[in-house]
Full PDB file with SEQRES, HELIX, SHEET, SSBOND, CRYST1, ORIGX, SCALE, CONECT and MASTER records, all heavy atoms in Angstrom:
SEQRES   1 A   46  THR ASN GLY ILE VAL SER ARG LYS ASN VAL SER ILE THR          
SEQRES   2 A   46  ASP GLU THR GLY LEU THR ARG TYR ASN LEU ILE GLN THR          
SEQRES   3 A   46  ASN ALA ALA ILE ASN PRO GLY ASN SER GLY GLY PRO LEU          
SEQRES   4 A   46  VAL ASN MET ALA GLY GLU VAL                                  
SHEET    1 AA1 2 VAL A   5  THR A  13  0                                        
SHEET    2 AA1 2 THR A  19  THR A  26 -1                                        
CRYST1    1.000    1.000    1.000  90.00  90.00  90.00 P 1           1          
ORIGX1      1.000000  0.000000  0.000000        0.00000                         
ORIGX2      0.000000  1.000000  0.000000        0.00000                         
ORIGX3      0.000000  0.000000  1.000000        0.00000                         
SCALE1      1.000000  0.000000  0.000000        0.00000                         
SCALE2      0.000000  1.000000  0.000000        0.00000                         
SCALE3      0.000000  0.000000  1.000000        0.00000                         
ATOM      1  N   THR A   1     -10.842   5.457  -2.745  1.00  0.00           N  
ATOM      2  CA  THR A   1     -10.455   5.092  -4.161  1.00  0.00           C  
ATOM      3  C   THR A   1     -10.386   3.584  -4.170  1.00  0.00           C  
ATOM      4  O   THR A   1     -10.110   2.969  -3.224  1.00  0.00           O  
ATOM      5  CB  THR A   1      -9.104   5.824  -4.435  1.00  0.00           C  
ATOM      6  OG1 THR A   1      -8.048   5.356  -3.553  1.00  0.00           O  
ATOM      7  CG2 THR A   1      -9.120   7.260  -4.388  1.00  0.00           C  
ATOM      8  N   ASN A   2     -10.446   3.081  -5.438  1.00  0.00           N  
ATOM      9  CA  ASN A   2     -10.349   1.630  -5.603  1.00  0.00           C  
ATOM     10  C   ASN A   2      -9.304   1.316  -6.701  1.00  0.00           C  
ATOM     11  O   ASN A   2      -8.935   2.074  -7.461  1.00  0.00           O  
ATOM     12  CB  ASN A   2     -11.766   1.000  -5.896  1.00  0.00           C  
ATOM     13  CG  ASN A   2     -12.119   1.392  -7.380  1.00  0.00           C  
ATOM     14  OD1 ASN A   2     -12.349   2.533  -7.782  1.00  0.00           O  
ATOM     15  ND2 ASN A   2     -12.111   0.286  -8.235  1.00  0.00           N  
ATOM     16  N   GLY A   3      -8.858  -0.025  -6.582  1.00  0.00           N  
ATOM     17  CA  GLY A   3      -7.967  -0.466  -7.531  1.00  0.00           C  
ATOM     18  C   GLY A   3      -7.894  -1.935  -7.245  1.00  0.00           C  
ATOM     19  O   GLY A   3      -8.706  -2.610  -6.646  1.00  0.00           O  
ATOM     20  N   ILE A   4      -6.653  -2.512  -7.680  1.00  0.00           N  
ATOM     21  CA  ILE A   4      -6.421  -3.992  -7.505  1.00  0.00           C  
ATOM     22  C   ILE A   4      -5.115  -4.204  -6.802  1.00  0.00           C  
ATOM     23  O   ILE A   4      -4.291  -3.268  -6.666  1.00  0.00           O  
ATOM     24  CB  ILE A   4      -6.349  -4.697  -8.806  1.00  0.00           C  
ATOM     25  CG1 ILE A   4      -5.245  -4.111  -9.684  1.00  0.00           C  
ATOM     26  CG2 ILE A   4      -7.746  -4.651  -9.508  1.00  0.00           C  
ATOM     27  CD1 ILE A   4      -4.975  -5.051 -10.957  1.00  0.00           C  
ATOM     28  N   VAL A   5      -4.903  -5.367  -6.295  1.00  0.00           N  
ATOM     29  CA  VAL A   5      -3.481  -5.793  -5.781  1.00  0.00           C  
ATOM     30  C   VAL A   5      -2.639  -5.893  -7.058  1.00  0.00           C  
ATOM     31  O   VAL A   5      -2.987  -6.781  -7.833  1.00  0.00           O  
ATOM     32  CB  VAL A   5      -3.623  -6.946  -4.939  1.00  0.00           C  
ATOM     33  CG1 VAL A   5      -2.188  -7.409  -4.649  1.00  0.00           C  
ATOM     34  CG2 VAL A   5      -4.439  -6.798  -3.734  1.00  0.00           C  
ATOM     35  N   SER A   6      -1.564  -5.089  -7.146  1.00  0.00           N  
ATOM     36  CA  SER A   6      -0.657  -5.181  -8.141  1.00  0.00           C  
ATOM     37  C   SER A   6       0.389  -6.193  -8.021  1.00  0.00           C  
ATOM     38  O   SER A   6       0.841  -6.883  -8.999  1.00  0.00           O  
ATOM     39  CB  SER A   6      -0.153  -3.822  -8.565  1.00  0.00           C  
ATOM     40  OG  SER A   6      -1.206  -2.938  -8.803  1.00  0.00           O  
ATOM     41  N   ARG A   7       0.965  -6.182  -6.832  1.00  0.00           N  
ATOM     42  CA  ARG A   7       2.030  -7.140  -6.434  1.00  0.00           C  
ATOM     43  C   ARG A   7       1.976  -7.364  -4.925  1.00  0.00           C  
ATOM     44  O   ARG A   7       1.331  -6.604  -4.196  1.00  0.00           O  
ATOM     45  CB  ARG A   7       3.450  -6.550  -6.716  1.00  0.00           C  
ATOM     46  CG  ARG A   7       3.914  -6.657  -8.199  1.00  0.00           C  
ATOM     47  CD  ARG A   7       5.352  -6.477  -8.317  1.00  0.00           C  
ATOM     48  NE  ARG A   7       5.798  -5.095  -7.817  1.00  0.00           N  
ATOM     49  CZ  ARG A   7       7.040  -4.814  -7.371  1.00  0.00           C  
ATOM     50  NH1 ARG A   7       8.040  -5.677  -7.561  1.00  0.00           N  
ATOM     51  NH2 ARG A   7       7.386  -3.574  -7.053  1.00  0.00           N  
ATOM     52  N   LYS A   8       2.612  -8.491  -4.492  1.00  0.00           N  
ATOM     53  CA  LYS A   8       2.717  -8.790  -3.070  1.00  0.00           C  
ATOM     54  C   LYS A   8       4.096  -8.931  -2.711  1.00  0.00           C  
ATOM     55  O   LYS A   8       4.993  -9.044  -3.472  1.00  0.00           O  
ATOM     56  CB  LYS A   8       1.869 -10.104  -2.772  1.00  0.00           C  
ATOM     57  CG  LYS A   8       0.373 -10.027  -2.974  1.00  0.00           C  
ATOM     58  CD  LYS A   8      -0.338 -11.442  -2.783  1.00  0.00           C  
ATOM     59  CE  LYS A   8       0.016 -11.915  -1.344  1.00  0.00           C  
ATOM     60  NZ  LYS A   8      -0.703 -13.279  -1.195  1.00  0.00           N  
ATOM     61  N   ASN A   9       4.349  -8.849  -1.418  1.00  0.00           N  
ATOM     62  CA  ASN A   9       5.641  -9.080  -0.727  1.00  0.00           C  
ATOM     63  C   ASN A   9       6.710  -8.171  -1.478  1.00  0.00           C  
ATOM     64  O   ASN A   9       7.839  -8.645  -1.866  1.00  0.00           O  
ATOM     65  CB  ASN A   9       6.114 -10.577  -0.929  1.00  0.00           C  
ATOM     66  CG  ASN A   9       5.086 -11.549  -0.279  1.00  0.00           C  
ATOM     67  OD1 ASN A   9       4.648 -11.224   0.894  1.00  0.00           O  
ATOM     68  ND2 ASN A   9       4.827 -12.591  -0.951  1.00  0.00           N  
ATOM     69  N   VAL A  10       6.406  -6.968  -1.631  1.00  0.00           N  
ATOM     70  CA  VAL A  10       7.229  -5.976  -2.172  1.00  0.00           C  
ATOM     71  C   VAL A  10       8.188  -5.273  -1.168  1.00  0.00           C  
ATOM     72  O   VAL A  10       7.760  -4.963  -0.067  1.00  0.00           O  
ATOM     73  CB  VAL A  10       6.368  -4.832  -2.976  1.00  0.00           C  
ATOM     74  CG1 VAL A  10       7.347  -3.875  -3.672  1.00  0.00           C  
ATOM     75  CG2 VAL A  10       5.506  -5.450  -3.997  1.00  0.00           C  
ATOM     76  N   SER A  11       9.373  -5.022  -1.628  1.00  0.00           N  
ATOM     77  CA  SER A  11      10.275  -4.299  -0.639  1.00  0.00           C  
ATOM     78  C   SER A  11      10.707  -2.929  -1.416  1.00  0.00           C  
ATOM     79  O   SER A  11      10.997  -2.974  -2.660  1.00  0.00           O  
ATOM     80  CB  SER A  11      11.578  -5.084  -0.389  1.00  0.00           C  
ATOM     81  OG  SER A  11      11.318  -6.261   0.236  1.00  0.00           O  
ATOM     82  N   ILE A  12      10.621  -1.872  -0.669  1.00  0.00           N  
ATOM     83  CA  ILE A  12      11.019  -0.565  -1.249  1.00  0.00           C  
ATOM     84  C   ILE A  12      11.840   0.178  -0.250  1.00  0.00           C  
ATOM     85  O   ILE A  12      11.650   0.027   1.010  1.00  0.00           O  
ATOM     86  CB  ILE A  12       9.825   0.336  -1.715  1.00  0.00           C  
ATOM     87  CG1 ILE A  12       8.934   0.697  -0.576  1.00  0.00           C  
ATOM     88  CG2 ILE A  12       9.043  -0.403  -2.819  1.00  0.00           C  
ATOM     89  CD1 ILE A  12       8.005   1.810  -0.856  1.00  0.00           C  
ATOM     90  N   THR A  13      12.755   1.012  -0.684  1.00  0.00           N  
ATOM     91  CA  THR A  13      13.563   1.800   0.144  1.00  0.00           C  
ATOM     92  C   THR A  13      13.150   3.252   0.112  1.00  0.00           C  
ATOM     93  O   THR A  13      12.935   3.836  -0.951  1.00  0.00           O  
ATOM     94  CB  THR A  13      15.048   1.752  -0.310  1.00  0.00           C  
ATOM     95  OG1 THR A  13      15.483   0.435  -0.336  1.00  0.00           O  
ATOM     96  CG2 THR A  13      15.946   2.664   0.612  1.00  0.00           C  
ATOM     97  N   ASP A  14      12.806   3.785   1.291  1.00  0.00           N  
ATOM     98  CA  ASP A  14      12.207   5.221   1.381  1.00  0.00           C  
ATOM     99  C   ASP A  14      13.269   6.151   1.325  1.00  0.00           C  
ATOM    100  O   ASP A  14      14.516   5.877   1.129  1.00  0.00           O  
ATOM    101  CB  ASP A  14      11.343   5.378   2.610  1.00  0.00           C  
ATOM    102  CG  ASP A  14      12.115   5.157   4.006  1.00  0.00           C  
ATOM    103  OD1 ASP A  14      13.451   5.312   3.939  1.00  0.00           O  
ATOM    104  OD2 ASP A  14      11.431   5.063   5.068  1.00  0.00           O  
ATOM    105  N   GLU A  15      12.893   7.367   1.440  1.00  0.00           N  
ATOM    106  CA  GLU A  15      13.837   8.546   1.240  1.00  0.00           C  
ATOM    107  C   GLU A  15      14.836   8.663   2.260  1.00  0.00           C  
ATOM    108  O   GLU A  15      15.859   9.321   2.147  1.00  0.00           O  
ATOM    109  CB  GLU A  15      13.106   9.877   1.188  1.00  0.00           C  
ATOM    110  CG  GLU A  15      12.244  10.247   2.435  1.00  0.00           C  
ATOM    111  CD  GLU A  15      10.864   9.636   2.495  1.00  0.00           C  
ATOM    112  OE1 GLU A  15      10.555   8.790   1.618  1.00  0.00           O  
ATOM    113  OE2 GLU A  15      10.182   9.971   3.326  1.00  0.00           O  
ATOM    114  N   THR A  16      14.571   8.011   3.519  1.00  0.00           N  
ATOM    115  CA  THR A  16      15.543   7.954   4.547  1.00  0.00           C  
ATOM    116  C   THR A  16      16.605   6.825   4.336  1.00  0.00           C  
ATOM    117  O   THR A  16      17.553   6.684   5.142  1.00  0.00           O  
ATOM    118  CB  THR A  16      14.847   7.830   5.943  1.00  0.00           C  
ATOM    119  OG1 THR A  16      14.336   6.464   5.968  1.00  0.00           O  
ATOM    120  CG2 THR A  16      13.717   8.827   6.062  1.00  0.00           C  
ATOM    121  N   GLY A  17      16.459   5.966   3.374  1.00  0.00           N  
ATOM    122  CA  GLY A  17      17.342   4.855   3.198  1.00  0.00           C  
ATOM    123  C   GLY A  17      16.902   3.600   3.943  1.00  0.00           C  
ATOM    124  O   GLY A  17      17.567   2.550   3.793  1.00  0.00           O  
ATOM    125  N   LEU A  18      15.664   3.647   4.588  1.00  0.00           N  
ATOM    126  CA  LEU A  18      15.161   2.362   5.174  1.00  0.00           C  
ATOM    127  C   LEU A  18      14.349   1.648   4.366  1.00  0.00           C  
ATOM    128  O   LEU A  18      13.499   2.120   3.667  1.00  0.00           O  
ATOM    129  CB  LEU A  18      14.345   2.869   6.471  1.00  0.00           C  
ATOM    130  CG  LEU A  18      13.843   1.762   7.330  1.00  0.00           C  
ATOM    131  CD1 LEU A  18      14.910   1.024   8.010  1.00  0.00           C  
ATOM    132  CD2 LEU A  18      12.820   2.318   8.441  1.00  0.00           C  
ATOM    133  N   THR A  19      14.652   0.331   4.270  1.00  0.00           N  
ATOM    134  CA  THR A  19      13.918  -0.567   3.487  1.00  0.00           C  
ATOM    135  C   THR A  19      12.680  -1.111   4.132  1.00  0.00           C  
ATOM    136  O   THR A  19      12.937  -1.596   5.333  1.00  0.00           O  
ATOM    137  CB  THR A  19      14.795  -1.700   2.924  1.00  0.00           C  
ATOM    138  OG1 THR A  19      15.807  -1.151   2.157  1.00  0.00           O  
ATOM    139  CG2 THR A  19      13.923  -2.655   1.992  1.00  0.00           C  
ATOM    140  N   ARG A  20      11.545  -1.168   3.498  1.00  0.00           N  
ATOM    141  CA  ARG A  20      10.336  -1.662   4.126  1.00  0.00           C  
ATOM    142  C   ARG A  20      10.009  -3.027   3.374  1.00  0.00           C  
ATOM    143  O   ARG A  20      10.076  -2.959   2.185  1.00  0.00           O  
ATOM    144  CB  ARG A  20       9.232  -0.663   4.145  1.00  0.00           C  
ATOM    145  CG  ARG A  20       9.522   0.615   4.743  1.00  0.00           C  
ATOM    146  CD  ARG A  20       8.434   1.335   5.179  1.00  0.00           C  
ATOM    147  NE  ARG A  20       8.859   2.680   5.768  1.00  0.00           N  
ATOM    148  CZ  ARG A  20       9.254   2.880   7.112  1.00  0.00           C  
ATOM    149  NH1 ARG A  20       9.331   1.861   7.869  1.00  0.00           N  
ATOM    150  NH2 ARG A  20       9.650   4.103   7.499  1.00  0.00           N  
ATOM    151  N   TYR A  21       9.553  -4.073   4.103  1.00  0.00           N  
ATOM    152  CA  TYR A  21       9.445  -5.305   3.567  1.00  0.00           C  
ATOM    153  C   TYR A  21       7.926  -5.649   3.542  1.00  0.00           C  
ATOM    154  O   TYR A  21       7.172  -5.234   4.343  1.00  0.00           O  
ATOM    155  CB  TYR A  21      10.229  -6.255   4.264  1.00  0.00           C  
ATOM    156  CG  TYR A  21      11.734  -6.049   4.254  1.00  0.00           C  
ATOM    157  CD1 TYR A  21      12.323  -5.265   5.330  1.00  0.00           C  
ATOM    158  CD2 TYR A  21      12.621  -6.532   3.226  1.00  0.00           C  
ATOM    159  CE1 TYR A  21      13.672  -5.049   5.348  1.00  0.00           C  
ATOM    160  CE2 TYR A  21      13.862  -6.193   3.148  1.00  0.00           C  
ATOM    161  CZ  TYR A  21      14.384  -5.409   4.208  1.00  0.00           C  
ATOM    162  OH  TYR A  21      15.700  -5.143   4.196  1.00  0.00           O  
ATOM    163  N   ASN A  22       7.550  -6.711   2.731  1.00  0.00           N  
ATOM    164  CA  ASN A  22       6.279  -7.393   2.790  1.00  0.00           C  
ATOM    165  C   ASN A  22       5.203  -6.347   2.508  1.00  0.00           C  
ATOM    166  O   ASN A  22       4.023  -6.323   3.219  1.00  0.00           O  
ATOM    167  CB  ASN A  22       6.075  -8.088   4.041  1.00  0.00           C  
ATOM    168  CG  ASN A  22       6.858  -9.331   4.290  1.00  0.00           C  
ATOM    169  OD1 ASN A  22       7.223  -9.948   3.338  1.00  0.00           O  
ATOM    170  ND2 ASN A  22       7.297  -9.622   5.529  1.00  0.00           N  
ATOM    171  N   LEU A  23       5.347  -5.441   1.528  1.00  0.00           N  
ATOM    172  CA  LEU A  23       4.435  -4.407   1.318  1.00  0.00           C  
ATOM    173  C   LEU A  23       3.435  -5.035   0.207  1.00  0.00           C  
ATOM    174  O   LEU A  23       3.821  -5.790  -0.547  1.00  0.00           O  
ATOM    175  CB  LEU A  23       5.104  -3.116   0.830  1.00  0.00           C  
ATOM    176  CG  LEU A  23       5.984  -2.429   1.768  1.00  0.00           C  
ATOM    177  CD1 LEU A  23       6.511  -1.233   1.133  1.00  0.00           C  
ATOM    178  CD2 LEU A  23       5.284  -2.099   3.093  1.00  0.00           C  
ATOM    179  N   ILE A  24       2.267  -4.371   0.182  1.00  0.00           N  
ATOM    180  CA  ILE A  24       1.229  -4.636  -0.837  1.00  0.00           C  
ATOM    181  C   ILE A  24       1.327  -3.517  -1.897  1.00  0.00           C  
ATOM    182  O   ILE A  24       1.137  -2.336  -1.507  1.00  0.00           O  
ATOM    183  CB  ILE A  24      -0.098  -4.848  -0.325  1.00  0.00           C  
ATOM    184  CG1 ILE A  24      -0.190  -5.962   0.658  1.00  0.00           C  
ATOM    185  CG2 ILE A  24      -1.185  -5.015  -1.416  1.00  0.00           C  
ATOM    186  CD1 ILE A  24      -1.409  -5.876   1.571  1.00  0.00           C  
ATOM    187  N   GLN A  25       1.534  -3.743  -3.099  1.00  0.00           N  
ATOM    188  CA  GLN A  25       1.444  -2.759  -4.129  1.00  0.00           C  
ATOM    189  C   GLN A  25       0.008  -2.731  -4.776  1.00  0.00           C  
ATOM    190  O   GLN A  25      -0.604  -3.752  -5.066  1.00  0.00           O  
ATOM    191  CB  GLN A  25       2.508  -2.923  -5.219  1.00  0.00           C  
ATOM    192  CG  GLN A  25       2.493  -1.939  -6.340  1.00  0.00           C  
ATOM    193  CD  GLN A  25       3.537  -2.149  -7.443  1.00  0.00           C  
ATOM    194  OE1 GLN A  25       4.566  -2.673  -7.222  1.00  0.00           O  
ATOM    195  NE2 GLN A  25       3.105  -1.830  -8.624  1.00  0.00           N  
ATOM    196  N   THR A  26      -0.474  -1.453  -4.917  1.00  0.00           N  
ATOM    197  CA  THR A  26      -1.816  -1.341  -5.467  1.00  0.00           C  
ATOM    198  C   THR A  26      -1.817  -0.199  -6.378  1.00  0.00           C  
ATOM    199  O   THR A  26      -1.058   0.754  -6.284  1.00  0.00           O  
ATOM    200  CB  THR A  26      -2.909  -1.128  -4.346  1.00  0.00           C  
ATOM    201  OG1 THR A  26      -4.041  -0.914  -4.951  1.00  0.00           O  
ATOM    202  CG2 THR A  26      -2.485   0.100  -3.421  1.00  0.00           C  
ATOM    203  N   ASN A  27      -2.856  -0.189  -7.356  1.00  0.00           N  
ATOM    204  CA  ASN A  27      -2.965   0.941  -8.225  1.00  0.00           C  
ATOM    205  C   ASN A  27      -4.020   1.853  -7.851  1.00  0.00           C  
ATOM    206  O   ASN A  27      -4.418   2.785  -8.543  1.00  0.00           O  
ATOM    207  CB  ASN A  27      -3.148   0.476  -9.656  1.00  0.00           C  
ATOM    208  CG  ASN A  27      -4.537  -0.321  -9.897  1.00  0.00           C  
ATOM    209  OD1 ASN A  27      -5.099  -0.702  -8.879  1.00  0.00           O  
ATOM    210  ND2 ASN A  27      -4.953  -0.351 -11.187  1.00  0.00           N  
ATOM    211  N   ALA A  28      -4.689   1.639  -6.634  1.00  0.00           N  
ATOM    212  CA  ALA A  28      -5.640   2.502  -6.050  1.00  0.00           C  
ATOM    213  C   ALA A  28      -4.916   3.861  -5.802  1.00  0.00           C  
ATOM    214  O   ALA A  28      -3.777   3.858  -5.266  1.00  0.00           O  
ATOM    215  CB  ALA A  28      -6.118   1.955  -4.712  1.00  0.00           C  
ATOM    216  N   ALA A  29      -5.580   4.934  -6.137  1.00  0.00           N  
ATOM    217  CA  ALA A  29      -4.867   6.213  -5.947  1.00  0.00           C  
ATOM    218  C   ALA A  29      -4.506   6.484  -4.463  1.00  0.00           C  
ATOM    219  O   ALA A  29      -5.477   6.492  -3.600  1.00  0.00           O  
ATOM    220  CB  ALA A  29      -5.838   7.290  -6.552  1.00  0.00           C  
ATOM    221  N   ILE A  30      -3.381   6.900  -4.268  1.00  0.00           N  
ATOM    222  CA  ILE A  30      -2.826   7.249  -3.018  1.00  0.00           C  
ATOM    223  C   ILE A  30      -2.284   8.649  -3.046  1.00  0.00           C  
ATOM    224  O   ILE A  30      -1.534   9.041  -3.925  1.00  0.00           O  
ATOM    225  CB  ILE A  30      -1.701   6.327  -2.489  1.00  0.00           C  
ATOM    226  CG1 ILE A  30      -2.098   4.807  -2.600  1.00  0.00           C  
ATOM    227  CG2 ILE A  30      -1.207   6.705  -1.130  1.00  0.00           C  
ATOM    228  CD1 ILE A  30      -3.259   4.459  -1.665  1.00  0.00           C  
ATOM    229  N   ASN A  31      -2.780   9.430  -2.101  1.00  0.00           N  
ATOM    230  CA  ASN A  31      -2.461  10.914  -2.155  1.00  0.00           C  
ATOM    231  C   ASN A  31      -1.942  11.299  -0.711  1.00  0.00           C  
ATOM    232  O   ASN A  31      -2.206  10.565   0.280  1.00  0.00           O  
ATOM    233  CB  ASN A  31      -3.622  11.755  -2.534  1.00  0.00           C  
ATOM    234  CG  ASN A  31      -3.995  11.626  -4.024  1.00  0.00           C  
ATOM    235  OD1 ASN A  31      -3.185  12.011  -4.858  1.00  0.00           O  
ATOM    236  ND2 ASN A  31      -5.113  10.919  -4.301  1.00  0.00           N  
ATOM    237  N   PRO A  32      -1.293  12.346  -0.569  1.00  0.00           N  
ATOM    238  CA  PRO A  32      -0.916  12.880   0.695  1.00  0.00           C  
ATOM    239  C   PRO A  32      -2.016  13.031   1.668  1.00  0.00           C  
ATOM    240  O   PRO A  32      -3.134  13.556   1.183  1.00  0.00           O  
ATOM    241  CB  PRO A  32      -0.341  14.407   0.443  1.00  0.00           C  
ATOM    242  CG  PRO A  32       0.290  14.158  -0.983  1.00  0.00           C  
ATOM    243  CD  PRO A  32      -0.683  13.329  -1.671  1.00  0.00           C  
ATOM    244  N   GLY A  33      -1.950  12.599   2.777  1.00  0.00           N  
ATOM    245  CA  GLY A  33      -3.060  12.574   3.814  1.00  0.00           C  
ATOM    246  C   GLY A  33      -3.609  11.208   3.874  1.00  0.00           C  
ATOM    247  O   GLY A  33      -4.293  10.866   4.841  1.00  0.00           O  
ATOM    248  N   ASN A  34      -3.434  10.301   2.906  1.00  0.00           N  
ATOM    249  CA  ASN A  34      -3.909   8.920   2.908  1.00  0.00           C  
ATOM    250  C   ASN A  34      -3.137   8.042   3.982  1.00  0.00           C  
ATOM    251  O   ASN A  34      -3.504   7.044   4.497  1.00  0.00           O  
ATOM    252  CB  ASN A  34      -3.792   8.210   1.600  1.00  0.00           C  
ATOM    253  CG  ASN A  34      -5.103   8.495   0.808  1.00  0.00           C  
ATOM    254  OD1 ASN A  34      -5.108   9.062  -0.237  1.00  0.00           O  
ATOM    255  ND2 ASN A  34      -6.208   7.768   1.220  1.00  0.00           N  
ATOM    256  N   SER A  35      -1.865   8.387   4.207  1.00  0.00           N  
ATOM    257  CA  SER A  35      -1.041   7.699   5.036  1.00  0.00           C  
ATOM    258  C   SER A  35      -1.606   7.277   6.419  1.00  0.00           C  
ATOM    259  O   SER A  35      -2.197   8.146   7.078  1.00  0.00           O  
ATOM    260  CB  SER A  35       0.242   8.468   5.319  1.00  0.00           C  
ATOM    261  OG  SER A  35       1.088   8.560   4.248  1.00  0.00           O  
ATOM    262  N   GLY A  36      -1.575   6.067   6.718  1.00  0.00           N  
ATOM    263  CA  GLY A  36      -2.166   5.580   7.993  1.00  0.00           C  
ATOM    264  C   GLY A  36      -3.484   5.006   7.834  1.00  0.00           C  
ATOM    265  O   GLY A  36      -4.091   4.270   8.756  1.00  0.00           O  
ATOM    266  N   GLY A  37      -4.211   5.334   6.690  1.00  0.00           N  
ATOM    267  CA  GLY A  37      -5.581   4.872   6.533  1.00  0.00           C  
ATOM    268  C   GLY A  37      -5.562   3.338   6.073  1.00  0.00           C  
ATOM    269  O   GLY A  37      -4.509   2.765   5.717  1.00  0.00           O  
ATOM    270  N   PRO A  38      -6.675   2.747   6.024  1.00  0.00           N  
ATOM    271  CA  PRO A  38      -6.785   1.311   5.729  1.00  0.00           C  
ATOM    272  C   PRO A  38      -6.895   0.988   4.283  1.00  0.00           C  
ATOM    273  O   PRO A  38      -7.418   1.704   3.529  1.00  0.00           O  
ATOM    274  CB  PRO A  38      -8.063   0.859   6.500  1.00  0.00           C  
ATOM    275  CG  PRO A  38      -8.890   2.122   6.451  1.00  0.00           C  
ATOM    276  CD  PRO A  38      -8.030   3.294   6.542  1.00  0.00           C  
ATOM    277  N   LEU A  39      -6.254  -0.063   3.888  1.00  0.00           N  
ATOM    278  CA  LEU A  39      -6.516  -0.696   2.598  1.00  0.00           C  
ATOM    279  C   LEU A  39      -7.287  -1.938   2.852  1.00  0.00           C  
ATOM    280  O   LEU A  39      -6.942  -2.775   3.677  1.00  0.00           O  
ATOM    281  CB  LEU A  39      -5.145  -0.986   1.903  1.00  0.00           C  
ATOM    282  CG  LEU A  39      -5.277  -1.527   0.456  1.00  0.00           C  
ATOM    283  CD1 LEU A  39      -5.664  -0.437  -0.508  1.00  0.00           C  
ATOM    284  CD2 LEU A  39      -3.942  -2.247   0.024  1.00  0.00           C  
ATOM    285  N   VAL A  40      -8.545  -2.014   2.334  1.00  0.00           N  
ATOM    286  CA  VAL A  40      -9.453  -3.068   2.659  1.00  0.00           C  
ATOM    287  C   VAL A  40      -9.790  -3.938   1.497  1.00  0.00           C  
ATOM    288  O   VAL A  40      -9.693  -3.503   0.337  1.00  0.00           O  
ATOM    289  CB  VAL A  40     -10.800  -2.488   3.313  1.00  0.00           C  
ATOM    290  CG1 VAL A  40     -10.308  -1.685   4.597  1.00  0.00           C  
ATOM    291  CG2 VAL A  40     -11.480  -1.666   2.328  1.00  0.00           C  
ATOM    292  N   ASN A  41     -10.203  -5.258   1.748  1.00  0.00           N  
ATOM    293  CA  ASN A  41     -10.605  -6.093   0.718  1.00  0.00           C  
ATOM    294  C   ASN A  41     -12.114  -5.981   0.523  1.00  0.00           C  
ATOM    295  O   ASN A  41     -12.718  -5.090   1.120  1.00  0.00           O  
ATOM    296  CB  ASN A  41     -10.199  -7.528   1.085  1.00  0.00           C  
ATOM    297  CG  ASN A  41     -10.786  -8.018   2.408  1.00  0.00           C  
ATOM    298  OD1 ASN A  41     -11.911  -7.448   2.919  1.00  0.00           O  
ATOM    299  ND2 ASN A  41     -10.288  -9.028   2.993  1.00  0.00           N  
ATOM    300  N   MET A  42     -12.741  -6.711  -0.263  1.00  0.00           N  
ATOM    301  CA  MET A  42     -14.091  -6.586  -0.689  1.00  0.00           C  
ATOM    302  C   MET A  42     -14.997  -7.070   0.397  1.00  0.00           C  
ATOM    303  O   MET A  42     -16.222  -6.972   0.271  1.00  0.00           O  
ATOM    304  CB  MET A  42     -14.458  -7.256  -1.966  1.00  0.00           C  
ATOM    305  CG  MET A  42     -13.604  -6.686  -3.136  1.00  0.00           C  
ATOM    306  SD  MET A  42     -13.708  -4.851  -3.242  1.00  0.00           S  
ATOM    307  CE  MET A  42     -15.438  -4.591  -3.432  1.00  0.00           C  
ATOM    308  N   ALA A  43     -14.489  -7.695   1.477  1.00  0.00           N  
ATOM    309  CA  ALA A  43     -15.253  -8.047   2.632  1.00  0.00           C  
ATOM    310  C   ALA A  43     -15.324  -6.980   3.673  1.00  0.00           C  
ATOM    311  O   ALA A  43     -15.912  -7.077   4.792  1.00  0.00           O  
ATOM    312  CB  ALA A  43     -14.757  -9.296   3.291  1.00  0.00           C  
ATOM    313  N   GLY A  44     -14.601  -5.817   3.299  1.00  0.00           N  
ATOM    314  CA  GLY A  44     -14.498  -4.749   4.328  1.00  0.00           C  
ATOM    315  C   GLY A  44     -13.567  -4.949   5.425  1.00  0.00           C  
ATOM    316  O   GLY A  44     -13.671  -4.264   6.485  1.00  0.00           O  
ATOM    317  N   GLU A  45     -12.530  -5.860   5.216  1.00  0.00           N  
ATOM    318  CA  GLU A  45     -11.574  -6.226   6.254  1.00  0.00           C  
ATOM    319  C   GLU A  45     -10.254  -5.533   5.847  1.00  0.00           C  
ATOM    320  O   GLU A  45      -9.867  -5.330   4.711  1.00  0.00           O  
ATOM    321  CB  GLU A  45     -11.351  -7.634   6.257  1.00  0.00           C  
ATOM    322  CG  GLU A  45     -12.499  -8.493   6.614  1.00  0.00           C  
ATOM    323  CD  GLU A  45     -12.246  -9.994   6.288  1.00  0.00           C  
ATOM    324  OE1 GLU A  45     -11.348 -10.306   5.471  1.00  0.00           O  
ATOM    325  OE2 GLU A  45     -12.783 -10.740   7.088  1.00  0.00           O  
ATOM    326  N   VAL A  46      -9.571  -4.978   6.884  1.00  0.00           N  
ATOM    327  CA  VAL A  46      -8.296  -4.302   6.661  1.00  0.00           C  
ATOM    328  C   VAL A  46      -7.189  -5.230   6.403  1.00  0.00           C  
ATOM    329  O   VAL A  46      -7.017  -6.248   7.166  1.00  0.00           O  
ATOM    330  CB  VAL A  46      -7.823  -3.464   7.847  1.00  0.00           C  
ATOM    331  CG1 VAL A  46      -6.477  -2.830   7.668  1.00  0.00           C  
ATOM    332  CG2 VAL A  46      -8.889  -2.360   8.282  1.00  0.00           C  
TER     333      VAL A  46                                                      
MASTER        0    0    0    0    2    0    0    6  332    1    0    4          
END                                                                             
């Protein structure tokens, strides 16, 4: 799936209460099973 970088350096708190930092927010469609896969730029770099 494709999209754009929506925000950078985002912090969110997950369902366990743990906050994750320096995340990239994207509007590329993310679904169950995508976890652990790469988000790549247009040079094909992770």
